[in-house]
Every structure is written in structure tokens, then in C-alpha cells.
Amino acid sequence: KVRENPILKFFVVAVTCYGMATFEGPLLATKTLNKIGHFTDWVIGHVHIGALGWNGFMDFGMIYYLVPIMWRTKLWSVKLA
């Protein structure tokens, strides 16, 4: 069902990004990993996967859900979605 529904695809990726950011947060808070990764792109990637991945994909999933309801139409192409 996830392969056929573009809305579910966005939500699955959003929840995956949220899970990754939630898992990385406590890891980066430990002293040993903080010493290793503090001045690397890992911290920047962690913030971006949380902010852009979770929020962005969730927003687009909601847009893909709401726009057809609001304008009473179907998506022009499910394959392009």
C-alpha cells in the first residue's frame, strides 16, 4: 500500500527521519561521541534531518492530502507524486 499511495510515502519518510534524529540526539549527547563528532558535519546533518526531513516531508504529505480535498479534484499524476 505504501508503494501506491504518495501520501503514505511522505509520511513513512518523515517518520523515518524523525526516528533517525531521535536516535542520533542521545548519541551525540554522550561525551565520547560528542568529542568525536562535535566539529563535523554529523551535527549539521542531525539538525537538518530533524528539521527538513521530519517537518518537510510531513508538510508535503499533508499538502498532498489536503489539496485534492480542498479543490475537489484528483492528483494529476500519481506516478509523478
N, C-alpha and C. Protein backbone atom coordinates (compact mmCIF):
# COMPACT_ATOMS: atom_id res chain seq x y z
N LYS A 1 0.82 -1.19 0.00
CA LYS A 1 0.00 0.00 0.00
C LYS A 1 0.86 1.26 0.00
N VAL A 2 2.03 1.21 0.61
CA VAL A 2 2.89 2.39 0.66
C VAL A 2 3.43 2.71 -0.73
N ARG A 3 3.69 1.71 -1.53
CA ARG A 3 4.22 1.96 -2.88
C ARG A 3 3.21 2.64 -3.79
N GLU A 4 1.94 2.47 -3.52
CA GLU A 4 0.91 3.02 -4.39
C GLU A 4 0.40 4.38 -3.93
N ASN A 5 0.55 4.69 -2.67
CA ASN A 5 -0.03 5.91 -2.11
C ASN A 5 1.08 6.94 -1.84
N PRO A 6 1.11 8.06 -2.59
CA PRO A 6 2.18 9.04 -2.38
C PRO A 6 2.12 9.72 -1.01
N ILE A 7 0.93 9.82 -0.44
CA ILE A 7 0.80 10.46 0.87
C ILE A 7 1.48 9.60 1.93
N LEU A 8 1.27 8.30 1.86
CA LEU A 8 1.92 7.40 2.81
C LEU A 8 3.43 7.39 2.63
N LYS A 9 3.89 7.55 1.39
CA LYS A 9 5.33 7.60 1.16
C LYS A 9 5.95 8.77 1.91
N PHE A 10 5.33 9.94 1.82
CA PHE A 10 5.84 11.10 2.52
C PHE A 10 5.83 10.88 4.03
N PHE A 11 4.75 10.31 4.55
CA PHE A 11 4.66 10.10 5.99
C PHE A 11 5.66 9.06 6.48
N VAL A 12 5.90 8.01 5.70
CA VAL A 12 6.88 6.98 6.10
C VAL A 12 8.28 7.57 6.13
N VAL A 13 8.63 8.37 5.13
CA VAL A 13 9.95 9.01 5.12
C VAL A 13 10.07 10.01 6.27
N ALA A 14 8.99 10.74 6.56
CA ALA A 14 9.01 11.70 7.66
C ALA A 14 9.23 10.99 9.00
N VAL A 15 8.53 9.91 9.22
CA VAL A 15 8.69 9.17 10.48
C VAL A 15 10.09 8.54 10.56
N THR A 16 10.62 8.11 9.43
CA THR A 16 11.98 7.57 9.41
C THR A 16 13.00 8.66 9.77
N CYS A 17 12.83 9.84 9.21
CA CYS A 17 13.72 10.96 9.54
C CYS A 17 13.60 11.33 11.01
N TYR A 18 12.40 11.32 11.52
CA TYR A 18 12.20 11.62 12.94
C TYR A 18 12.89 10.57 13.82
N GLY A 19 12.74 9.32 13.44
CA GLY A 19 13.39 8.26 14.20
C GLY A 19 14.90 8.38 14.18
N MET A 20 15.46 8.72 13.01
CA MET A 20 16.91 8.89 12.91
C MET A 20 17.38 10.05 13.79
N ALA A 21 16.67 11.18 13.73
CA ALA A 21 17.06 12.34 14.53
C ALA A 21 16.91 12.06 16.02
N THR A 22 15.87 11.32 16.39
CA THR A 22 15.64 11.00 17.79
C THR A 22 16.70 10.03 18.29
N PHE A 23 17.14 9.12 17.45
CA PHE A 23 18.18 8.16 17.84
C PHE A 23 19.55 8.84 17.94
N GLU A 24 19.83 9.76 17.00
CA GLU A 24 21.13 10.42 16.99
C GLU A 24 21.29 11.43 18.13
N GLY A 25 20.19 12.03 18.59
CA GLY A 25 20.27 13.05 19.63
C GLY A 25 20.95 12.57 20.89
N PRO A 26 20.46 11.49 21.49
CA PRO A 26 21.15 10.99 22.69
C PRO A 26 22.57 10.48 22.41
N LEU A 27 22.79 9.95 21.21
CA LEU A 27 24.16 9.52 20.89
C LEU A 27 25.12 10.69 20.86
N LEU A 28 24.69 11.79 20.25
CA LEU A 28 25.55 12.97 20.19
C LEU A 28 25.68 13.66 21.54
N ALA A 29 24.81 13.34 22.49
CA ALA A 29 24.88 13.95 23.81
C ALA A 29 25.90 13.26 24.72
N THR A 30 26.31 12.04 24.35
CA THR A 30 27.31 11.37 25.17
C THR A 30 28.66 12.06 25.00
N LYS A 31 29.47 12.03 26.03
CA LYS A 31 30.75 12.74 26.00
C LYS A 31 31.71 12.18 24.96
N THR A 32 31.73 10.86 24.82
CA THR A 32 32.70 10.27 23.89
C THR A 32 32.36 10.61 22.45
N LEU A 33 31.09 10.45 22.07
CA LEU A 33 30.71 10.77 20.69
C LEU A 33 30.68 12.27 20.44
N ASN A 34 30.45 13.06 21.48
CA ASN A 34 30.47 14.50 21.31
C ASN A 34 31.88 14.99 21.00
N LYS A 35 32.88 14.36 21.64
CA LYS A 35 34.27 14.73 21.34
C LYS A 35 34.64 14.38 19.90
N ILE A 36 34.13 13.26 19.41
CA ILE A 36 34.46 12.82 18.05
C ILE A 36 33.72 13.65 17.01
N GLY A 37 32.43 13.86 17.22
CA GLY A 37 31.61 14.44 16.16
C GLY A 37 31.24 15.89 16.31
N HIS A 38 31.78 16.59 17.32
CA HIS A 38 31.30 17.95 17.58
C HIS A 38 31.60 18.92 16.44
N PHE A 39 32.77 18.91 15.91
CA PHE A 39 33.12 19.85 14.85
C PHE A 39 33.06 19.21 13.46
N THR A 40 32.15 18.27 13.29
CA THR A 40 31.99 17.62 11.99
C THR A 40 30.61 17.95 11.41
N ASP A 41 30.37 17.46 10.23
CA ASP A 41 29.07 17.67 9.59
C ASP A 41 27.97 16.77 10.13
N TRP A 42 28.33 15.88 11.03
CA TRP A 42 27.33 14.99 11.62
C TRP A 42 26.29 15.79 12.41
N VAL A 43 26.75 16.78 13.16
CA VAL A 43 25.83 17.61 13.94
C VAL A 43 24.92 18.40 13.01
N ILE A 44 25.47 18.94 11.97
CA ILE A 44 24.67 19.70 10.99
C ILE A 44 23.67 18.78 10.31
N GLY A 45 24.12 17.59 9.95
CA GLY A 45 23.21 16.61 9.33
C GLY A 45 22.11 16.19 10.27
N HIS A 46 22.44 16.06 11.55
CA HIS A 46 21.42 15.69 12.54
C HIS A 46 20.33 16.75 12.63
N VAL A 47 20.73 17.99 12.66
CA VAL A 47 19.76 19.08 12.73
C VAL A 47 18.92 19.14 11.47
N HIS A 48 19.55 18.98 10.33
CA HIS A 48 18.81 19.07 9.07
C HIS A 48 17.88 17.88 8.84
N ILE A 49 18.28 16.69 9.26
CA ILE A 49 17.38 15.54 9.08
C ILE A 49 16.18 15.69 9.99
N GLY A 50 16.38 16.30 11.14
CA GLY A 50 15.26 16.55 12.03
C GLY A 50 14.34 17.65 11.52
N ALA A 51 14.94 18.76 11.13
CA ALA A 51 14.13 19.91 10.71
C ALA A 51 13.55 19.72 9.32
N LEU A 52 14.40 19.46 8.36
CA LEU A 52 13.92 19.37 6.98
C LEU A 52 13.29 18.03 6.67
N GLY A 53 13.88 16.96 7.17
CA GLY A 53 13.33 15.64 6.89
C GLY A 53 11.98 15.43 7.54
N TRP A 54 11.93 15.59 8.83
CA TRP A 54 10.68 15.36 9.57
C TRP A 54 9.63 16.39 9.18
N ASN A 55 9.94 17.66 9.32
CA ASN A 55 8.94 18.70 9.06
C ASN A 55 8.61 18.83 7.58
N GLY A 56 9.62 18.78 6.73
CA GLY A 56 9.39 18.95 5.30
C GLY A 56 8.54 17.85 4.69
N PHE A 57 8.91 16.61 4.95
CA PHE A 57 8.15 15.51 4.38
C PHE A 57 6.76 15.40 4.99
N MET A 58 6.63 15.74 6.27
CA MET A 58 5.31 15.73 6.89
C MET A 58 4.43 16.83 6.28
N ASP A 59 5.01 18.00 6.05
CA ASP A 59 4.26 19.10 5.41
C ASP A 59 3.79 18.72 4.01
N PHE A 60 4.69 18.16 3.21
CA PHE A 60 4.29 17.80 1.86
C PHE A 60 3.28 16.66 1.85
N GLY A 61 3.38 15.75 2.79
CA GLY A 61 2.36 14.71 2.91
C GLY A 61 1.00 15.30 3.21
N MET A 62 0.97 16.29 4.11
CA MET A 62 -0.31 16.94 4.43
C MET A 62 -0.83 17.75 3.25
N ILE A 63 0.07 18.40 2.52
CA ILE A 63 -0.35 19.16 1.33
C ILE A 63 -0.94 18.22 0.28
N TYR A 64 -0.28 17.10 0.05
CA TYR A 64 -0.79 16.14 -0.93
C TYR A 64 -2.13 15.56 -0.49
N TYR A 65 -2.37 15.54 0.80
CA TYR A 65 -3.66 15.05 1.30
C TYR A 65 -4.74 16.14 1.21
N LEU A 66 -4.39 17.36 1.58
CA LEU A 66 -5.40 18.42 1.69
C LEU A 66 -5.78 19.07 0.36
N VAL A 67 -4.85 19.24 -0.54
CA VAL A 67 -5.14 19.96 -1.79
C VAL A 67 -6.24 19.28 -2.61
N PRO A 68 -6.20 17.96 -2.82
CA PRO A 68 -7.31 17.35 -3.56
C PRO A 68 -8.65 17.47 -2.84
N ILE A 69 -8.63 17.48 -1.52
CA ILE A 69 -9.89 17.63 -0.78
C ILE A 69 -10.41 19.06 -0.91
N MET A 70 -9.52 20.03 -0.78
CA MET A 70 -9.94 21.43 -0.82
C MET A 70 -10.47 21.83 -2.20
N TRP A 71 -9.81 21.37 -3.26
CA TRP A 71 -10.23 21.74 -4.61
C TRP A 71 -11.10 20.68 -5.28
N ARG A 72 -11.45 19.63 -4.53
CA ARG A 72 -12.32 18.55 -5.02
C ARG A 72 -11.86 18.01 -6.38
N THR A 73 -10.62 17.59 -6.40
CA THR A 73 -10.03 17.05 -7.61
C THR A 73 -9.10 15.90 -7.24
N LYS A 74 -8.58 15.22 -8.24
CA LYS A 74 -7.60 14.16 -8.02
C LYS A 74 -6.22 14.70 -8.35
N LEU A 75 -5.20 13.97 -7.90
CA LEU A 75 -3.85 14.33 -8.31
C LEU A 75 -3.71 14.14 -9.81
N TRP A 76 -2.98 15.03 -10.44
CA TRP A 76 -2.85 14.96 -11.89
C TRP A 76 -2.14 13.68 -12.30
N SER A 77 -1.09 13.30 -11.56
CA SER A 77 -0.37 12.07 -11.86
C SER A 77 0.16 11.48 -10.56
N VAL A 78 -0.29 10.30 -10.23
CA VAL A 78 0.18 9.64 -9.02
C VAL A 78 1.64 9.21 -9.18
N LYS A 79 2.04 8.87 -10.40
CA LYS A 79 3.43 8.46 -10.64
C LYS A 79 4.40 9.62 -10.40
N LEU A 80 3.99 10.84 -10.74
CA LEU A 80 4.87 11.98 -10.52
C LEU A 80 4.88 12.43 -9.07
N ALA A 81 3.92 12.02 -8.29
CA ALA A 81 3.80 12.48 -6.90
C ALA A 81 4.86 11.89 -6.02
